[in-house]
Amino acid sequence: MDTDAEVLIAGAGPTGLLLAGELGLAGVRTAVVERLPHRTGRSKALNLQPRTAEVLDCRGLLEPVLDRSMALLPSGRFAGLPLDYGAGTW
């Protein structure tokens, strides 16, 4: 294993891998560690958070993800307040 990493990322899920990719684009050497010895076969990402969508959009990767999505929800709730998802730019 390369021990010359500047940043250690715990977890090879969607967040950890996206962070490793973004840091790599900025020239930061990273190491990703995962406690599971192999894939579980279960999804670790059943939804797309707004900030993740913004980052993917900045990299030109949002449209392919949306093209493969199973559903787009028009609205939701946060802390008991209604949210209109249609107000976003994507």
N, C-alpha and C. Protein backbone atom coordinates (compact mmCIF):
# COMPACT_ATOMS: atom_id res chain seq x y z
N MET A 1 0.84 -1.19 0.00
CA MET A 1 0.00 0.00 0.00
C MET A 1 0.88 1.24 0.00
N ASP A 2 0.50 2.22 -0.76
CA ASP A 2 1.23 3.49 -0.83
C ASP A 2 0.99 4.27 0.46
N THR A 3 2.06 4.60 1.17
CA THR A 3 1.91 5.35 2.42
C THR A 3 2.26 6.82 2.24
N ASP A 4 2.32 7.26 1.00
CA ASP A 4 2.70 8.64 0.71
C ASP A 4 1.48 9.55 0.51
N ALA A 5 0.31 9.11 0.98
CA ALA A 5 -0.92 9.90 0.79
C ALA A 5 -0.93 11.11 1.71
N GLU A 6 -1.52 12.18 1.20
CA GLU A 6 -1.70 13.39 2.00
C GLU A 6 -3.01 13.36 2.78
N VAL A 7 -3.99 12.62 2.25
CA VAL A 7 -5.31 12.53 2.88
C VAL A 7 -5.73 11.07 2.90
N LEU A 8 -6.23 10.64 4.05
CA LEU A 8 -6.78 9.30 4.19
C LEU A 8 -8.30 9.42 4.25
N ILE A 9 -8.99 8.70 3.37
CA ILE A 9 -10.45 8.73 3.30
C ILE A 9 -10.98 7.40 3.81
N ALA A 10 -11.84 7.48 4.82
CA ALA A 10 -12.42 6.27 5.41
C ALA A 10 -13.74 5.98 4.72
N GLY A 11 -13.78 4.89 3.97
CA GLY A 11 -15.02 4.47 3.32
C GLY A 11 -14.98 4.63 1.82
N ALA A 12 -15.24 3.53 1.11
CA ALA A 12 -15.23 3.55 -0.35
C ALA A 12 -16.65 3.58 -0.90
N GLY A 13 -17.54 4.25 -0.18
CA GLY A 13 -18.90 4.45 -0.67
C GLY A 13 -18.93 5.63 -1.63
N PRO A 14 -20.12 6.03 -2.03
CA PRO A 14 -20.24 7.13 -2.99
C PRO A 14 -19.57 8.43 -2.54
N THR A 15 -19.70 8.77 -1.27
CA THR A 15 -19.11 10.02 -0.78
C THR A 15 -17.59 9.94 -0.78
N GLY A 16 -17.05 8.84 -0.25
CA GLY A 16 -15.59 8.69 -0.19
C GLY A 16 -14.95 8.66 -1.56
N LEU A 17 -15.57 7.96 -2.50
CA LEU A 17 -14.99 7.88 -3.84
C LEU A 17 -15.09 9.21 -4.58
N LEU A 18 -16.20 9.92 -4.41
CA LEU A 18 -16.32 11.24 -5.04
C LEU A 18 -15.29 12.20 -4.45
N LEU A 19 -15.11 12.15 -3.14
CA LEU A 19 -14.10 13.00 -2.50
C LEU A 19 -12.71 12.66 -3.02
N ALA A 20 -12.39 11.39 -3.12
CA ALA A 20 -11.07 10.99 -3.63
C ALA A 20 -10.86 11.49 -5.06
N GLY A 21 -11.90 11.40 -5.88
CA GLY A 21 -11.80 11.90 -7.25
C GLY A 21 -11.59 13.40 -7.32
N GLU A 22 -12.34 14.13 -6.52
CA GLU A 22 -12.21 15.60 -6.51
C GLU A 22 -10.82 16.01 -6.00
N LEU A 23 -10.36 15.37 -4.94
CA LEU A 23 -9.02 15.70 -4.42
C LEU A 23 -7.94 15.34 -5.44
N GLY A 24 -8.13 14.22 -6.12
CA GLY A 24 -7.18 13.82 -7.16
C GLY A 24 -7.10 14.85 -8.28
N LEU A 25 -8.26 15.40 -8.68
CA LEU A 25 -8.26 16.45 -9.71
C LEU A 25 -7.51 17.70 -9.26
N ALA A 26 -7.48 17.92 -7.93
CA ALA A 26 -6.76 19.07 -7.37
C ALA A 26 -5.29 18.74 -7.10
N GLY A 27 -4.86 17.54 -7.45
CA GLY A 27 -3.46 17.17 -7.26
C GLY A 27 -3.12 16.66 -5.87
N VAL A 28 -4.12 16.33 -5.07
CA VAL A 28 -3.89 15.84 -3.71
C VAL A 28 -3.82 14.31 -3.75
N ARG A 29 -2.76 13.74 -3.15
CA ARG A 29 -2.60 12.29 -3.10
C ARG A 29 -3.48 11.74 -1.98
N THR A 30 -4.36 10.81 -2.33
CA THR A 30 -5.28 10.25 -1.34
C THR A 30 -5.12 8.74 -1.25
N ALA A 31 -5.56 8.20 -0.14
CA ALA A 31 -5.69 6.75 0.05
C ALA A 31 -7.10 6.53 0.59
N VAL A 32 -7.81 5.57 0.01
CA VAL A 32 -9.15 5.23 0.45
C VAL A 32 -9.08 3.87 1.13
N VAL A 33 -9.59 3.79 2.35
CA VAL A 33 -9.64 2.52 3.07
C VAL A 33 -11.10 2.14 3.29
N GLU A 34 -11.36 0.85 3.22
CA GLU A 34 -12.71 0.32 3.37
C GLU A 34 -12.64 -0.89 4.29
N ARG A 35 -13.51 -0.96 5.27
CA ARG A 35 -13.47 -2.07 6.22
C ARG A 35 -14.04 -3.35 5.65
N LEU A 36 -14.95 -3.26 4.68
CA LEU A 36 -15.53 -4.46 4.09
C LEU A 36 -14.54 -5.10 3.13
N PRO A 37 -14.35 -6.41 3.21
CA PRO A 37 -13.37 -7.07 2.34
C PRO A 37 -13.83 -7.20 0.88
N HIS A 38 -15.14 -7.10 0.62
CA HIS A 38 -15.67 -7.20 -0.74
C HIS A 38 -17.02 -6.50 -0.80
N ARG A 39 -17.52 -6.32 -1.99
CA ARG A 39 -18.81 -5.66 -2.17
C ARG A 39 -19.94 -6.51 -1.59
N THR A 40 -20.94 -5.85 -1.05
CA THR A 40 -22.06 -6.56 -0.42
C THR A 40 -23.15 -6.92 -1.42
N GLY A 41 -23.17 -6.27 -2.56
CA GLY A 41 -24.25 -6.47 -3.51
C GLY A 41 -25.45 -5.58 -3.23
N ARG A 42 -25.39 -4.82 -2.16
CA ARG A 42 -26.45 -3.89 -1.81
C ARG A 42 -26.04 -2.47 -2.21
N SER A 43 -27.01 -1.70 -2.59
CA SER A 43 -26.73 -0.32 -2.97
C SER A 43 -26.42 0.51 -1.74
N LYS A 44 -25.43 1.38 -1.87
CA LYS A 44 -25.11 2.33 -0.80
C LYS A 44 -25.60 3.72 -1.18
N ALA A 45 -26.21 3.83 -2.33
CA ALA A 45 -26.65 5.15 -2.79
C ALA A 45 -27.99 5.02 -3.51
N LEU A 46 -29.06 5.19 -2.77
CA LEU A 46 -30.38 5.08 -3.38
C LEU A 46 -30.96 6.44 -3.76
N ASN A 47 -30.26 7.50 -3.40
CA ASN A 47 -30.75 8.83 -3.77
C ASN A 47 -29.55 9.73 -4.08
N LEU A 48 -29.85 10.90 -4.58
CA LEU A 48 -28.82 11.87 -4.93
C LEU A 48 -29.11 13.16 -4.17
N GLN A 49 -28.20 13.52 -3.30
CA GLN A 49 -28.36 14.73 -2.50
C GLN A 49 -28.10 15.96 -3.37
N PRO A 50 -28.72 17.09 -3.05
CA PRO A 50 -28.57 18.29 -3.87
C PRO A 50 -27.11 18.72 -4.07
N ARG A 51 -26.30 18.70 -3.02
CA ARG A 51 -24.90 19.14 -3.18
C ARG A 51 -24.14 18.18 -4.09
N THR A 52 -24.43 16.89 -3.99
CA THR A 52 -23.79 15.92 -4.88
C THR A 52 -24.17 16.20 -6.32
N ALA A 53 -25.45 16.52 -6.55
CA ALA A 53 -25.90 16.86 -7.90
C ALA A 53 -25.17 18.10 -8.42
N GLU A 54 -24.95 19.08 -7.56
CA GLU A 54 -24.22 20.29 -7.97
C GLU A 54 -22.79 19.97 -8.38
N VAL A 55 -22.12 19.12 -7.61
CA VAL A 55 -20.73 18.75 -7.93
C VAL A 55 -20.70 17.96 -9.24
N LEU A 56 -21.60 17.01 -9.39
CA LEU A 56 -21.65 16.25 -10.64
C LEU A 56 -21.93 17.16 -11.83
N ASP A 57 -22.81 18.13 -11.65
CA ASP A 57 -23.13 19.07 -12.72
C ASP A 57 -21.90 19.89 -13.11
N CYS A 58 -21.13 20.32 -12.12
CA CYS A 58 -19.90 21.09 -12.40
C CYS A 58 -18.90 20.29 -13.23
N ARG A 59 -18.92 18.97 -13.09
CA ARG A 59 -18.00 18.09 -13.82
C ARG A 59 -18.62 17.55 -15.11
N GLY A 60 -19.85 17.99 -15.42
CA GLY A 60 -20.52 17.50 -16.63
C GLY A 60 -21.01 16.07 -16.52
N LEU A 61 -21.19 15.60 -15.30
CA LEU A 61 -21.58 14.21 -15.08
C LEU A 61 -23.01 14.03 -14.63
N LEU A 62 -23.75 15.11 -14.43
CA LEU A 62 -25.11 14.98 -13.90
C LEU A 62 -26.09 14.40 -14.92
N GLU A 63 -26.05 14.86 -16.14
CA GLU A 63 -27.01 14.38 -17.14
C GLU A 63 -26.98 12.87 -17.33
N PRO A 64 -25.79 12.24 -17.45
CA PRO A 64 -25.80 10.77 -17.57
C PRO A 64 -26.42 10.08 -16.35
N VAL A 65 -26.23 10.64 -15.18
CA VAL A 65 -26.82 10.06 -13.97
C VAL A 65 -28.35 10.21 -14.02
N LEU A 66 -28.83 11.39 -14.37
CA LEU A 66 -30.28 11.61 -14.44
C LEU A 66 -30.92 10.75 -15.51
N ASP A 67 -30.20 10.53 -16.62
CA ASP A 67 -30.73 9.68 -17.69
C ASP A 67 -30.97 8.25 -17.21
N ARG A 68 -30.21 7.80 -16.20
CA ARG A 68 -30.34 6.43 -15.70
C ARG A 68 -31.16 6.34 -14.43
N SER A 69 -31.69 7.46 -13.96
CA SER A 69 -32.42 7.45 -12.69
C SER A 69 -33.76 6.72 -12.84
N MET A 70 -34.18 6.11 -11.76
CA MET A 70 -35.43 5.37 -11.76
C MET A 70 -36.63 6.30 -11.59
N ALA A 71 -36.43 7.42 -10.89
CA ALA A 71 -37.52 8.37 -10.67
C ALA A 71 -36.94 9.72 -10.27
N LEU A 72 -37.65 10.77 -10.62
CA LEU A 72 -37.32 12.11 -10.18
C LEU A 72 -38.52 12.62 -9.36
N LEU A 73 -38.26 12.96 -8.13
CA LEU A 73 -39.34 13.41 -7.27
C LEU A 73 -39.55 14.91 -7.43
N PRO A 74 -40.77 15.37 -7.64
CA PRO A 74 -41.03 16.80 -7.83
C PRO A 74 -40.99 17.61 -6.55
N SER A 75 -41.18 16.93 -5.40
CA SER A 75 -41.21 17.66 -4.13
C SER A 75 -40.89 16.70 -2.99
N GLY A 76 -40.70 17.30 -1.81
CA GLY A 76 -40.41 16.51 -0.63
C GLY A 76 -40.60 17.36 0.61
N ARG A 77 -40.03 16.88 1.72
CA ARG A 77 -40.15 17.61 2.98
C ARG A 77 -38.81 17.56 3.69
N PHE A 78 -38.50 18.63 4.41
CA PHE A 78 -37.34 18.68 5.28
C PHE A 78 -37.75 19.41 6.55
N ALA A 79 -37.54 18.77 7.69
CA ALA A 79 -37.91 19.34 8.99
C ALA A 79 -39.37 19.79 9.02
N GLY A 80 -40.22 19.02 8.34
CA GLY A 80 -41.64 19.33 8.33
C GLY A 80 -42.05 20.40 7.34
N LEU A 81 -41.09 20.95 6.61
CA LEU A 81 -41.39 22.01 5.64
C LEU A 81 -41.44 21.43 4.23
N PRO A 82 -42.40 21.85 3.42
CA PRO A 82 -42.46 21.36 2.03
C PRO A 82 -41.34 21.96 1.19
N LEU A 83 -40.80 21.13 0.30
CA LEU A 83 -39.75 21.57 -0.61
C LEU A 83 -40.18 21.32 -2.05
N ASP A 84 -39.93 22.27 -2.93
CA ASP A 84 -40.21 22.13 -4.35
C ASP A 84 -38.90 21.83 -5.05
N TYR A 85 -38.69 20.58 -5.46
CA TYR A 85 -37.45 20.21 -6.13
C TYR A 85 -37.36 20.77 -7.53
N GLY A 86 -38.47 21.18 -8.10
CA GLY A 86 -38.46 21.74 -9.44
C GLY A 86 -37.80 23.10 -9.52
N ALA A 87 -37.50 23.71 -8.38
CA ALA A 87 -36.87 25.03 -8.37
C ALA A 87 -35.39 24.98 -8.71
N GLY A 88 -34.78 23.78 -8.74
CA GLY A 88 -33.35 23.65 -9.05
C GLY A 88 -33.07 23.89 -10.52
N THR A 89 -31.79 24.01 -10.85
CA THR A 89 -31.40 24.28 -12.23
C THR A 89 -31.30 23.01 -13.05
N TRP A 90 -31.35 21.84 -12.43
CA TRP A 90 -31.27 20.62 -13.20
C TRP A 90 -32.62 20.02 -13.30
